[in-house]
Amino acid sequence: TVAPSKTKKSFYKSALIACYLGGQAKDYFPNIKSHRVSNDDIVIDIDTEQGKFYAQKVFRRVQLMTGFKYPNYYPFAMRSKTPEERVQFVDALLQQPKFKGKVKFISIDGIADLVENTNDILMSAAIASKVLKWTDEQGIHLHTVIHKLEGSLKPTGHLGSYILKKAETVVFLETDLDNTDVINVEHSYARGMKFDAFSFSVNKHGLP
């Protein structure tokens, strides 16, 4: 997901996870279909940006959307960690017997916090390769979030360029020009099946 500030990136991330888990989420986003086949499928949700209070609100939103508590949903707030510690954590987590080969969906919000400098070519290439390794070796769908400047289609730094090139699908979020409460969702790049653009807003109860 590529988006400027204040475009409900974390909310959209929660919606994707909730729709993958199922339950009532399909009533909010009927166009996002889940292919989850087992309650043993593990979902990991990593937030690198928000403090514990707000990260917990984001994590609880998934349960609010689905209407049930999924036993294999594992959220982690990692704002206090260094970029190196975050990468090492994901590496170690995916190798634990409890998780190895069982993680089907992982979201990292945001990928820029796995490097010291998004404009460093070597660091950016290393993280892009690490993401490909995680997904390829264990058959994981990995969703991530990266910022971009308002009015630009280019995500942040060399890291953004690498992620853009390697991603299966790149989704853009933009605030609607006629109604700032509405977020438009569309994609410009897809190696596989494309989807129709759609929009969403958030009501006073924090739901779509």
N, C-alpha and C. Protein backbone atom coordinates (compact mmCIF):
# COMPACT_ATOMS: atom_id res chain seq x y z
N THR A 1 0.84 -1.19 0.00
CA THR A 1 0.00 0.00 0.00
C THR A 1 0.88 1.24 0.00
N VAL A 2 0.64 2.14 -0.93
CA VAL A 2 1.39 3.40 -1.04
C VAL A 2 0.42 4.54 -0.80
N ALA A 3 0.78 5.45 0.13
CA ALA A 3 -0.17 6.51 0.47
C ALA A 3 0.53 7.67 1.17
N PRO A 4 0.01 8.89 0.99
CA PRO A 4 0.53 10.03 1.76
C PRO A 4 -0.02 9.99 3.18
N SER A 5 0.39 10.93 4.01
CA SER A 5 -0.08 11.00 5.38
C SER A 5 -1.58 11.28 5.43
N LYS A 6 -2.21 10.80 6.51
CA LYS A 6 -3.63 11.08 6.80
C LYS A 6 -4.57 10.50 5.76
N THR A 7 -4.26 9.32 5.25
CA THR A 7 -5.17 8.67 4.31
C THR A 7 -5.65 7.32 4.84
N LYS A 8 -5.63 7.18 6.17
CA LYS A 8 -6.17 5.99 6.83
C LYS A 8 -5.49 4.69 6.38
N LYS A 9 -4.16 4.76 6.27
CA LYS A 9 -3.39 3.59 5.86
C LYS A 9 -3.55 2.44 6.84
N SER A 10 -3.47 2.76 8.13
CA SER A 10 -3.59 1.71 9.15
C SER A 10 -5.00 1.13 9.18
N PHE A 11 -5.98 1.97 8.92
CA PHE A 11 -7.36 1.48 8.87
C PHE A 11 -7.54 0.51 7.70
N TYR A 12 -6.98 0.88 6.57
CA TYR A 12 -7.06 0.00 5.39
C TYR A 12 -6.35 -1.33 5.66
N LYS A 13 -5.20 -1.26 6.33
CA LYS A 13 -4.48 -2.48 6.70
C LYS A 13 -5.36 -3.37 7.57
N SER A 14 -6.02 -2.77 8.57
CA SER A 14 -6.91 -3.54 9.45
C SER A 14 -8.04 -4.17 8.65
N ALA A 15 -8.55 -3.45 7.68
CA ALA A 15 -9.64 -3.97 6.84
C ALA A 15 -9.19 -5.18 6.05
N LEU A 16 -7.97 -5.14 5.49
CA LEU A 16 -7.46 -6.28 4.74
C LEU A 16 -7.34 -7.51 5.63
N ILE A 17 -6.78 -7.31 6.82
CA ILE A 17 -6.62 -8.44 7.75
C ILE A 17 -7.98 -8.98 8.16
N ALA A 18 -8.89 -8.08 8.51
CA ALA A 18 -10.23 -8.50 8.94
C ALA A 18 -10.95 -9.27 7.84
N CYS A 19 -10.83 -8.80 6.61
CA CYS A 19 -11.49 -9.49 5.49
C CYS A 19 -10.86 -10.86 5.24
N TYR A 20 -9.57 -10.98 5.48
CA TYR A 20 -8.92 -12.28 5.34
C TYR A 20 -9.44 -13.25 6.40
N LEU A 21 -9.66 -12.73 7.61
CA LEU A 21 -10.15 -13.58 8.70
C LEU A 21 -11.62 -13.94 8.51
N GLY A 22 -12.41 -13.01 7.95
CA GLY A 22 -13.81 -13.32 7.65
C GLY A 22 -14.78 -12.71 8.64
N GLY A 23 -15.83 -13.45 8.96
CA GLY A 23 -16.85 -12.94 9.88
C GLY A 23 -17.63 -11.79 9.29
N GLN A 24 -17.88 -10.78 10.13
CA GLN A 24 -18.70 -9.64 9.70
C GLN A 24 -17.95 -8.70 8.74
N ALA A 25 -16.65 -8.87 8.58
CA ALA A 25 -15.87 -7.97 7.73
C ALA A 25 -16.40 -7.94 6.31
N LYS A 26 -16.96 -9.07 5.85
CA LYS A 26 -17.48 -9.12 4.47
C LYS A 26 -18.66 -8.17 4.28
N ASP A 27 -19.33 -7.80 5.39
CA ASP A 27 -20.44 -6.86 5.29
C ASP A 27 -19.96 -5.44 5.06
N TYR A 28 -18.74 -5.14 5.51
CA TYR A 28 -18.17 -3.81 5.32
C TYR A 28 -17.48 -3.67 3.97
N PHE A 29 -16.78 -4.73 3.57
CA PHE A 29 -16.04 -4.72 2.30
C PHE A 29 -16.39 -5.97 1.50
N PRO A 30 -17.58 -6.02 0.92
CA PRO A 30 -18.00 -7.23 0.19
C PRO A 30 -17.15 -7.54 -1.03
N ASN A 31 -16.38 -6.56 -1.50
CA ASN A 31 -15.55 -6.79 -2.70
C ASN A 31 -14.18 -7.38 -2.36
N ILE A 32 -13.85 -7.51 -1.07
CA ILE A 32 -12.58 -8.12 -0.67
C ILE A 32 -12.88 -9.54 -0.19
N LYS A 33 -12.47 -10.52 -0.96
CA LYS A 33 -12.80 -11.92 -0.69
C LYS A 33 -11.63 -12.63 0.00
N SER A 34 -11.95 -13.45 0.99
CA SER A 34 -10.94 -14.23 1.69
C SER A 34 -10.78 -15.61 1.08
N HIS A 35 -9.54 -16.09 1.07
CA HIS A 35 -9.27 -17.46 0.62
C HIS A 35 -8.69 -18.29 1.76
N ARG A 36 -8.93 -17.84 3.00
CA ARG A 36 -8.45 -18.60 4.16
C ARG A 36 -9.25 -19.88 4.28
N VAL A 37 -8.56 -20.99 4.49
CA VAL A 37 -9.23 -22.29 4.51
C VAL A 37 -9.15 -22.99 5.86
N SER A 38 -8.36 -22.46 6.79
CA SER A 38 -8.18 -23.15 8.06
C SER A 38 -8.00 -22.17 9.21
N ASN A 39 -8.54 -22.52 10.38
CA ASN A 39 -8.33 -21.71 11.58
C ASN A 39 -6.92 -21.86 12.13
N ASP A 40 -6.13 -22.76 11.53
CA ASP A 40 -4.74 -22.91 11.92
C ASP A 40 -3.83 -21.90 11.23
N ASP A 41 -4.36 -21.21 10.21
CA ASP A 41 -3.58 -20.20 9.50
C ASP A 41 -3.21 -19.06 10.45
N ILE A 42 -1.94 -18.73 10.51
CA ILE A 42 -1.47 -17.68 11.41
C ILE A 42 -1.37 -16.36 10.66
N VAL A 43 -1.84 -15.29 11.31
CA VAL A 43 -1.78 -13.93 10.77
C VAL A 43 -0.97 -13.07 11.73
N ILE A 44 0.05 -12.41 11.20
CA ILE A 44 0.92 -11.54 12.01
C ILE A 44 0.71 -10.09 11.59
N ASP A 45 0.53 -9.22 12.56
CA ASP A 45 0.26 -7.80 12.32
C ASP A 45 1.31 -6.99 13.07
N ILE A 46 2.24 -6.37 12.35
CA ILE A 46 3.33 -5.62 12.97
C ILE A 46 3.14 -4.13 12.72
N ASP A 47 3.12 -3.35 13.80
CA ASP A 47 3.03 -1.89 13.71
C ASP A 47 4.34 -1.30 14.22
N THR A 48 5.03 -0.56 13.37
CA THR A 48 6.33 0.00 13.74
C THR A 48 6.25 1.49 14.09
N GLU A 49 5.08 2.11 13.91
CA GLU A 49 5.00 3.56 13.99
C GLU A 49 4.31 4.09 15.24
N GLN A 50 3.26 3.42 15.70
CA GLN A 50 2.42 3.98 16.75
C GLN A 50 2.83 3.49 18.14
N GLY A 51 2.56 4.33 19.14
CA GLY A 51 2.79 3.95 20.52
C GLY A 51 1.83 2.85 20.94
N LYS A 52 2.05 2.28 22.13
CA LYS A 52 1.29 1.12 22.57
C LYS A 52 -0.21 1.38 22.62
N PHE A 53 -0.63 2.56 23.11
CA PHE A 53 -2.06 2.86 23.24
C PHE A 53 -2.74 2.83 21.88
N TYR A 54 -2.18 3.56 20.91
CA TYR A 54 -2.81 3.63 19.59
C TYR A 54 -2.64 2.34 18.80
N ALA A 55 -1.52 1.66 19.01
CA ALA A 55 -1.32 0.36 18.34
C ALA A 55 -2.38 -0.63 18.81
N GLN A 56 -2.67 -0.63 20.11
CA GLN A 56 -3.70 -1.54 20.63
C GLN A 56 -5.07 -1.23 20.06
N LYS A 57 -5.36 0.07 19.87
CA LYS A 57 -6.64 0.45 19.25
C LYS A 57 -6.73 -0.10 17.83
N VAL A 58 -5.62 -0.02 17.09
CA VAL A 58 -5.59 -0.54 15.72
C VAL A 58 -5.77 -2.06 15.74
N PHE A 59 -5.11 -2.74 16.64
CA PHE A 59 -5.21 -4.20 16.70
C PHE A 59 -6.63 -4.65 17.10
N ARG A 60 -7.25 -3.93 18.03
CA ARG A 60 -8.62 -4.28 18.46
C ARG A 60 -9.63 -4.05 17.34
N ARG A 61 -9.29 -3.14 16.44
CA ARG A 61 -10.20 -2.84 15.32
C ARG A 61 -10.46 -4.07 14.46
N VAL A 62 -9.47 -4.94 14.32
CA VAL A 62 -9.63 -6.17 13.54
C VAL A 62 -10.76 -7.01 14.13
N GLN A 63 -10.74 -7.20 15.44
CA GLN A 63 -11.79 -7.97 16.10
C GLN A 63 -13.14 -7.27 15.99
N LEU A 64 -13.12 -5.94 16.04
CA LEU A 64 -14.35 -5.17 15.92
C LEU A 64 -14.99 -5.38 14.55
N MET A 65 -14.16 -5.42 13.51
CA MET A 65 -14.67 -5.61 12.15
C MET A 65 -15.16 -7.04 11.91
N THR A 66 -14.43 -8.02 12.43
CA THR A 66 -14.80 -9.41 12.18
C THR A 66 -15.96 -9.87 13.06
N GLY A 67 -16.04 -9.29 14.27
CA GLY A 67 -17.08 -9.71 15.21
C GLY A 67 -16.71 -10.93 16.01
N PHE A 68 -15.44 -11.37 15.90
CA PHE A 68 -14.99 -12.50 16.71
C PHE A 68 -13.49 -12.40 16.95
N LYS A 69 -13.00 -13.16 17.93
CA LYS A 69 -11.58 -13.17 18.25
C LYS A 69 -10.91 -14.36 17.59
N TYR A 70 -10.07 -14.09 16.60
CA TYR A 70 -9.39 -15.15 15.87
C TYR A 70 -8.20 -15.63 16.70
N PRO A 71 -8.11 -16.92 17.01
CA PRO A 71 -7.09 -17.40 17.93
C PRO A 71 -5.66 -17.31 17.42
N ASN A 72 -5.48 -17.24 16.10
CA ASN A 72 -4.12 -17.22 15.54
C ASN A 72 -3.77 -15.88 14.90
N TYR A 73 -4.35 -14.80 15.46
CA TYR A 73 -3.98 -13.44 15.07
C TYR A 73 -3.00 -12.91 16.10
N TYR A 74 -1.78 -12.57 15.65
CA TYR A 74 -0.71 -12.15 16.55
C TYR A 74 -0.25 -10.73 16.20
N PRO A 75 -0.67 -9.74 16.97
CA PRO A 75 -0.22 -8.36 16.72
C PRO A 75 1.01 -8.02 17.56
N PHE A 76 1.89 -7.18 17.00
CA PHE A 76 3.10 -6.76 17.70
C PHE A 76 3.32 -5.27 17.48
N ALA A 77 3.48 -4.52 18.57
CA ALA A 77 3.81 -3.10 18.50
C ALA A 77 5.32 -2.97 18.67
N MET A 78 6.00 -2.39 17.67
CA MET A 78 7.47 -2.41 17.66
C MET A 78 8.08 -1.02 17.47
N ARG A 79 7.36 0.00 17.92
CA ARG A 79 7.87 1.36 17.77
C ARG A 79 9.19 1.56 18.52
N SER A 80 9.34 0.92 19.67
CA SER A 80 10.52 1.15 20.51
C SER A 80 11.77 0.42 20.02
N LYS A 81 11.62 -0.45 19.02
CA LYS A 81 12.76 -1.24 18.53
C LYS A 81 13.52 -0.50 17.43
N THR A 82 14.76 -0.89 17.23
CA THR A 82 15.56 -0.34 16.13
C THR A 82 15.21 -1.08 14.85
N PRO A 83 15.53 -0.51 13.68
CA PRO A 83 15.28 -1.22 12.42
C PRO A 83 15.90 -2.62 12.39
N GLU A 84 17.13 -2.74 12.88
CA GLU A 84 17.79 -4.04 12.89
C GLU A 84 17.05 -5.03 13.80
N GLU A 85 16.61 -4.56 14.96
CA GLU A 85 15.88 -5.42 15.89
C GLU A 85 14.57 -5.90 15.29
N ARG A 86 13.90 -5.05 14.53
CA ARG A 86 12.63 -5.42 13.92
C ARG A 86 12.84 -6.54 12.88
N VAL A 87 13.86 -6.40 12.07
CA VAL A 87 14.16 -7.42 11.06
C VAL A 87 14.53 -8.74 11.74
N GLN A 88 15.37 -8.66 12.75
CA GLN A 88 15.78 -9.85 13.48
C GLN A 88 14.58 -10.53 14.14
N PHE A 89 13.65 -9.73 14.65
CA PHE A 89 12.46 -10.27 15.30
C PHE A 89 11.62 -11.08 14.31
N VAL A 90 11.37 -10.51 13.14
CA VAL A 90 10.57 -11.21 12.13
C VAL A 90 11.29 -12.49 11.69
N ASP A 91 12.59 -12.38 11.48
CA ASP A 91 13.38 -13.55 11.10
C ASP A 91 13.23 -14.67 12.12
N ALA A 92 13.42 -14.32 13.40
CA ALA A 92 13.35 -15.32 14.47
C ALA A 92 11.94 -15.87 14.63
N LEU A 93 10.94 -15.00 14.51
CA LEU A 93 9.55 -15.42 14.69
C LEU A 93 9.15 -16.47 13.65
N LEU A 94 9.54 -16.23 12.40
CA LEU A 94 9.16 -17.13 11.31
C LEU A 94 9.87 -18.49 11.40
N GLN A 95 10.92 -18.56 12.21
CA GLN A 95 11.64 -19.82 12.36
C GLN A 95 11.21 -20.62 13.59
N GLN A 96 10.40 -20.00 14.45
CA GLN A 96 9.92 -20.72 15.63
C GLN A 96 9.00 -21.86 15.20
N PRO A 97 9.07 -23.01 15.87
CA PRO A 97 8.22 -24.15 15.51
C PRO A 97 6.73 -23.81 15.50
N LYS A 98 6.32 -22.92 16.38
CA LYS A 98 4.90 -22.55 16.45
C LYS A 98 4.44 -21.81 15.20
N PHE A 99 5.37 -21.12 14.53
CA PHE A 99 5.02 -20.27 13.40
C PHE A 99 5.52 -20.79 12.05
N LYS A 100 6.63 -21.51 12.05
CA LYS A 100 7.26 -21.90 10.79
C LYS A 100 6.33 -22.71 9.90
N GLY A 101 6.12 -22.21 8.70
CA GLY A 101 5.27 -22.88 7.72
C GLY A 101 3.78 -22.69 7.94
N LYS A 102 3.41 -21.96 9.00
CA LYS A 102 1.99 -21.79 9.33
C LYS A 102 1.50 -20.37 9.14
N VAL A 103 2.43 -19.43 8.95
CA VAL A 103 2.05 -18.03 8.73
C VAL A 103 1.59 -17.87 7.29
N LYS A 104 0.37 -17.39 7.11
CA LYS A 104 -0.19 -17.21 5.77
C LYS A 104 -0.27 -15.74 5.36
N PHE A 105 -0.36 -14.87 6.35
CA PHE A 105 -0.53 -13.44 6.06
C PHE A 105 0.27 -12.66 7.11
N ILE A 106 1.12 -11.75 6.64
CA ILE A 106 1.84 -10.87 7.55
C ILE A 106 1.75 -9.45 7.02
N SER A 107 1.46 -8.51 7.92
CA SER A 107 1.39 -7.10 7.54
C SER A 107 2.44 -6.34 8.33
N ILE A 108 3.22 -5.52 7.63
CA ILE A 108 4.23 -4.68 8.28
C ILE A 108 3.91 -3.22 7.97
N ASP A 109 3.53 -2.50 8.98
CA ASP A 109 3.14 -1.09 8.85
C ASP A 109 4.11 -0.26 9.68
N GLY A 110 5.18 0.30 9.10
CA GLY A 110 5.51 0.35 7.71
C GLY A 110 6.92 -0.15 7.45
N ILE A 111 7.14 -0.51 6.22
CA ILE A 111 8.38 -1.13 5.76
C ILE A 111 9.59 -0.19 5.90
N ALA A 112 9.36 1.12 5.85
CA ALA A 112 10.47 2.08 5.95
C ALA A 112 11.16 2.00 7.31
N ASP A 113 10.46 1.49 8.32
CA ASP A 113 11.04 1.40 9.65
C ASP A 113 11.89 0.15 9.84
N LEU A 114 12.14 -0.58 8.75
CA LEU A 114 13.06 -1.72 8.81
C LEU A 114 14.45 -1.33 8.31
N VAL A 115 14.61 -0.06 7.92
CA VAL A 115 15.92 0.43 7.47
C VAL A 115 16.24 1.74 8.18
N GLU A 116 17.54 2.04 8.30
CA GLU A 116 17.97 3.30 8.90
C GLU A 116 17.73 4.48 7.95
N ASN A 117 17.85 4.20 6.64
CA ASN A 117 17.77 5.27 5.66
C ASN A 117 17.13 4.74 4.38
N THR A 118 15.93 5.22 4.06
CA THR A 118 15.22 4.72 2.87
C THR A 118 15.89 5.16 1.57
N ASN A 119 16.85 6.08 1.65
CA ASN A 119 17.57 6.52 0.45
C ASN A 119 18.91 5.81 0.28
N ASP A 120 19.21 4.88 1.18
CA ASP A 120 20.43 4.11 1.05
C ASP A 120 20.17 2.91 0.13
N ILE A 121 20.88 2.84 -0.97
CA ILE A 121 20.62 1.80 -1.98
C ILE A 121 20.86 0.40 -1.43
N LEU A 122 21.97 0.22 -0.71
CA LEU A 122 22.31 -1.11 -0.22
C LEU A 122 21.32 -1.58 0.85
N MET A 123 20.97 -0.69 1.77
CA MET A 123 19.99 -1.04 2.81
C MET A 123 18.64 -1.38 2.18
N SER A 124 18.24 -0.59 1.22
CA SER A 124 16.93 -0.78 0.57
C SER A 124 16.89 -2.09 -0.19
N ALA A 125 17.97 -2.39 -0.91
CA ALA A 125 18.03 -3.64 -1.66
C ALA A 125 18.02 -4.84 -0.71
N ALA A 126 18.69 -4.71 0.43
CA ALA A 126 18.76 -5.80 1.40
C ALA A 126 17.38 -6.11 1.98
N ILE A 127 16.62 -5.07 2.30
CA ILE A 127 15.28 -5.29 2.87
C ILE A 127 14.33 -5.86 1.82
N ALA A 128 14.42 -5.37 0.59
CA ALA A 128 13.58 -5.92 -0.48
C ALA A 128 13.88 -7.40 -0.68
N SER A 129 15.15 -7.77 -0.62
CA SER A 129 15.53 -9.18 -0.74
C SER A 129 15.03 -10.00 0.44
N LYS A 130 15.08 -9.41 1.63
CA LYS A 130 14.61 -10.10 2.83
C LYS A 130 13.12 -10.38 2.72
N VAL A 131 12.35 -9.42 2.24
CA VAL A 131 10.91 -9.59 2.07
C VAL A 131 10.62 -10.72 1.08
N LEU A 132 11.37 -10.74 -0.03
CA LEU A 132 11.19 -11.81 -1.02
C LEU A 132 11.53 -13.17 -0.43
N LYS A 133 12.55 -13.22 0.42
CA LYS A 133 12.94 -14.47 1.05
C LYS A 133 11.85 -14.97 1.99
N TRP A 134 11.31 -14.07 2.82
CA TRP A 134 10.24 -14.46 3.75
C TRP A 134 9.04 -15.02 3.00
N THR A 135 8.65 -14.34 1.94
CA THR A 135 7.44 -14.76 1.23
C THR A 135 7.65 -16.02 0.41
N ASP A 136 8.82 -16.13 -0.23
CA ASP A 136 9.07 -17.25 -1.13
C ASP A 136 9.32 -18.55 -0.37
N GLU A 137 10.14 -18.48 0.66
CA GLU A 137 10.52 -19.70 1.37
C GLU A 137 9.37 -20.31 2.16
N GLN A 138 8.45 -19.46 2.66
CA GLN A 138 7.38 -19.97 3.51
C GLN A 138 5.98 -19.78 2.95
N GLY A 139 5.91 -19.31 1.71
CA GLY A 139 4.60 -19.18 1.07
C GLY A 139 3.68 -18.19 1.76
N ILE A 140 4.24 -17.07 2.17
CA ILE A 140 3.49 -16.06 2.92
C ILE A 140 3.04 -14.93 2.01
N HIS A 141 1.81 -14.46 2.20
CA HIS A 141 1.40 -13.20 1.56
C HIS A 141 1.81 -12.08 2.51
N LEU A 142 2.63 -11.16 2.03
CA LEU A 142 3.10 -10.06 2.87
C LEU A 142 2.56 -8.75 2.35
N HIS A 143 1.85 -8.05 3.22
CA HIS A 143 1.33 -6.72 2.92
C HIS A 143 2.16 -5.70 3.69
N THR A 144 2.53 -4.63 3.03
CA THR A 144 3.26 -3.59 3.73
C THR A 144 2.76 -2.21 3.32
N VAL A 145 3.16 -1.22 4.10
CA VAL A 145 2.71 0.15 3.89
C VAL A 145 3.94 1.03 3.74
N ILE A 146 3.92 1.92 2.75
CA ILE A 146 5.01 2.86 2.57
C ILE A 146 4.45 4.21 2.17
N HIS A 147 5.08 5.27 2.67
CA HIS A 147 4.58 6.62 2.42
C HIS A 147 4.98 7.12 1.03
N LYS A 148 4.23 8.13 0.60
CA LYS A 148 4.60 8.88 -0.60
C LYS A 148 4.20 10.32 -0.40
N LEU A 149 4.75 11.19 -1.22
CA LEU A 149 4.40 12.59 -1.14
C LEU A 149 3.04 12.84 -1.78
N GLU A 150 2.30 13.80 -1.25
CA GLU A 150 1.01 14.17 -1.82
C GLU A 150 1.19 14.62 -3.26
N GLY A 151 0.35 14.08 -4.17
CA GLY A 151 0.40 14.45 -5.57
C GLY A 151 1.44 13.71 -6.38
N SER A 152 2.15 12.78 -5.75
CA SER A 152 3.17 12.00 -6.44
C SER A 152 2.79 10.53 -6.45
N LEU A 153 3.22 9.80 -7.47
CA LEU A 153 2.98 8.36 -7.52
C LEU A 153 4.17 7.57 -7.00
N LYS A 154 5.25 8.26 -6.64
CA LYS A 154 6.49 7.59 -6.24
C LYS A 154 6.56 7.44 -4.72
N PRO A 155 6.71 6.21 -4.22
CA PRO A 155 6.88 6.02 -2.78
C PRO A 155 8.26 6.49 -2.32
N THR A 156 8.44 6.54 -1.02
CA THR A 156 9.60 7.16 -0.41
C THR A 156 10.92 6.46 -0.74
N GLY A 157 11.88 7.23 -1.27
CA GLY A 157 13.26 6.80 -1.40
C GLY A 157 13.53 5.60 -2.30
N HIS A 158 14.79 5.13 -2.21
CA HIS A 158 15.19 3.94 -2.98
C HIS A 158 14.41 2.72 -2.51
N LEU A 159 14.09 2.68 -1.21
CA LEU A 159 13.31 1.55 -0.70
C LEU A 159 11.98 1.46 -1.41
N GLY A 160 11.31 2.59 -1.58
CA GLY A 160 10.04 2.62 -2.29
C GLY A 160 10.16 2.10 -3.71
N SER A 161 11.24 2.47 -4.37
CA SER A 161 11.47 2.01 -5.75
C SER A 161 11.65 0.50 -5.80
N TYR A 162 12.42 -0.05 -4.86
CA TYR A 162 12.64 -1.50 -4.83
C TYR A 162 11.34 -2.25 -4.54
N ILE A 163 10.58 -1.77 -3.56
CA ILE A 163 9.32 -2.42 -3.19
C ILE A 163 8.34 -2.36 -4.36
N LEU A 164 8.31 -1.22 -5.04
CA LEU A 164 7.43 -1.04 -6.19
C LEU A 164 7.74 -2.07 -7.28
N LYS A 165 9.03 -2.31 -7.52
CA LYS A 165 9.44 -3.24 -8.57
C LYS A 165 9.15 -4.70 -8.21
N LYS A 166 9.25 -5.04 -6.93
CA LYS A 166 9.13 -6.43 -6.51
C LYS A 166 7.71 -6.84 -6.15
N ALA A 167 6.85 -5.89 -5.88
CA ALA A 167 5.51 -6.20 -5.38
C ALA A 167 4.64 -6.87 -6.44
N GLU A 168 3.78 -7.76 -5.99
CA GLU A 168 2.80 -8.39 -6.89
C GLU A 168 1.70 -7.41 -7.24
N THR A 169 1.23 -6.67 -6.24
CA THR A 169 0.18 -5.67 -6.44
C THR A 169 0.52 -4.42 -5.65
N VAL A 170 0.43 -3.26 -6.27
CA VAL A 170 0.67 -1.99 -5.60
C VAL A 170 -0.64 -1.22 -5.53
N VAL A 171 -1.05 -0.91 -4.32
CA VAL A 171 -2.33 -0.23 -4.09
C VAL A 171 -2.05 1.20 -3.63
N PHE A 172 -2.77 2.15 -4.21
CA PHE A 172 -2.63 3.55 -3.84
C PHE A 172 -3.87 4.03 -3.08
N LEU A 173 -3.63 4.74 -1.99
CA LEU A 173 -4.72 5.40 -1.26
C LEU A 173 -4.60 6.90 -1.46
N GLU A 174 -5.73 7.54 -1.73
CA GLU A 174 -5.76 8.99 -1.90
C GLU A 174 -7.03 9.55 -1.28
N THR A 175 -6.93 10.72 -0.66
CA THR A 175 -8.12 11.40 -0.15
C THR A 175 -8.92 11.93 -1.32
N ASP A 176 -10.24 11.71 -1.28
CA ASP A 176 -11.11 12.19 -2.34
C ASP A 176 -11.09 13.72 -2.40
N LEU A 177 -10.97 14.27 -3.61
CA LEU A 177 -10.87 15.72 -3.77
C LEU A 177 -12.15 16.44 -3.38
N ASP A 178 -13.29 15.78 -3.54
CA ASP A 178 -14.58 16.42 -3.26
C ASP A 178 -15.07 16.19 -1.83
N ASN A 179 -14.51 15.17 -1.16
CA ASN A 179 -14.94 14.85 0.20
C ASN A 179 -13.76 14.27 0.95
N THR A 180 -13.16 15.06 1.83
CA THR A 180 -11.94 14.64 2.52
C THR A 180 -12.18 13.51 3.52
N ASP A 181 -13.43 13.16 3.78
CA ASP A 181 -13.72 12.03 4.67
C ASP A 181 -13.67 10.70 3.93
N VAL A 182 -13.57 10.77 2.61
CA VAL A 182 -13.59 9.57 1.77
C VAL A 182 -12.18 9.26 1.26
N ILE A 183 -11.81 7.98 1.34
CA ILE A 183 -10.52 7.52 0.83
C ILE A 183 -10.76 6.66 -0.41
N ASN A 184 -10.09 6.99 -1.49
CA ASN A 184 -10.18 6.22 -2.73
C ASN A 184 -9.05 5.19 -2.79
N VAL A 185 -9.40 3.97 -3.18
CA VAL A 185 -8.43 2.86 -3.24
C VAL A 185 -8.34 2.38 -4.68
N GLU A 186 -7.15 2.42 -5.25
CA GLU A 186 -6.97 1.92 -6.61
C GLU A 186 -5.55 1.42 -6.78
N HIS A 187 -5.30 0.69 -7.86
CA HIS A 187 -3.95 0.20 -8.08
C HIS A 187 -3.50 0.55 -9.50
N SER A 188 -2.19 0.70 -9.61
CA SER A 188 -1.60 0.99 -10.92
C SER A 188 -0.78 -0.16 -11.45
N TYR A 189 -0.35 -1.06 -10.53
CA TYR A 189 0.49 -2.17 -10.93
C TYR A 189 -0.05 -3.47 -10.36
N ALA A 190 -0.11 -4.51 -11.19
CA ALA A 190 -0.53 -5.83 -10.70
C ALA A 190 0.02 -6.89 -11.63
N ARG A 191 0.73 -7.87 -11.05
CA ARG A 191 1.23 -8.99 -11.85
C ARG A 191 0.14 -10.03 -12.08
N GLY A 192 -0.82 -10.06 -11.17
CA GLY A 192 -1.91 -11.03 -11.27
C GLY A 192 -3.23 -10.36 -11.59
N MET A 193 -4.27 -10.83 -10.94
CA MET A 193 -5.62 -10.31 -11.21
C MET A 193 -5.77 -8.88 -10.70
N LYS A 194 -6.41 -8.05 -11.50
CA LYS A 194 -6.66 -6.67 -11.11
C LYS A 194 -8.00 -6.56 -10.38
N PHE A 195 -8.21 -5.43 -9.73
CA PHE A 195 -9.48 -5.21 -9.04
C PHE A 195 -10.03 -3.83 -9.39
N ASP A 196 -11.34 -3.69 -9.24
CA ASP A 196 -11.99 -2.41 -9.49
C ASP A 196 -11.70 -1.45 -8.35
N ALA A 197 -11.49 -0.19 -8.68
CA ALA A 197 -11.28 0.82 -7.65
C ALA A 197 -12.51 0.93 -6.76
N PHE A 198 -12.29 1.26 -5.50
CA PHE A 198 -13.41 1.47 -4.58
C PHE A 198 -13.05 2.54 -3.56
N SER A 199 -14.00 2.95 -2.75
CA SER A 199 -13.79 4.00 -1.76
C SER A 199 -14.38 3.58 -0.42
N PHE A 200 -13.89 4.19 0.64
CA PHE A 200 -14.46 3.94 1.96
C PHE A 200 -14.31 5.18 2.83
N SER A 201 -15.12 5.24 3.86
CA SER A 201 -15.00 6.27 4.89
C SER A 201 -15.18 5.58 6.24
N VAL A 202 -14.96 6.31 7.31
CA VAL A 202 -15.05 5.74 8.65
C VAL A 202 -16.11 6.50 9.45
N ASN A 203 -17.04 5.73 10.08
CA ASN A 203 -18.11 6.40 10.82
C ASN A 203 -17.68 6.76 12.24
N LYS A 204 -18.59 7.31 13.02
CA LYS A 204 -18.26 7.80 14.37
C LYS A 204 -17.93 6.68 15.33
N HIS A 205 -18.26 5.46 14.97
CA HIS A 205 -17.95 4.30 15.80
C HIS A 205 -16.62 3.66 15.43
N GLY A 206 -15.90 4.27 14.49
CA GLY A 206 -14.61 3.74 14.09
C GLY A 206 -14.72 2.55 13.16
N LEU A 207 -15.84 2.44 12.46
CA LEU A 207 -16.05 1.33 11.53
C LEU A 207 -16.28 1.86 10.12
N PRO A 208 -15.97 1.04 9.10
CA PRO A 208 -16.15 1.51 7.71
C PRO A 208 -17.62 1.63 7.34
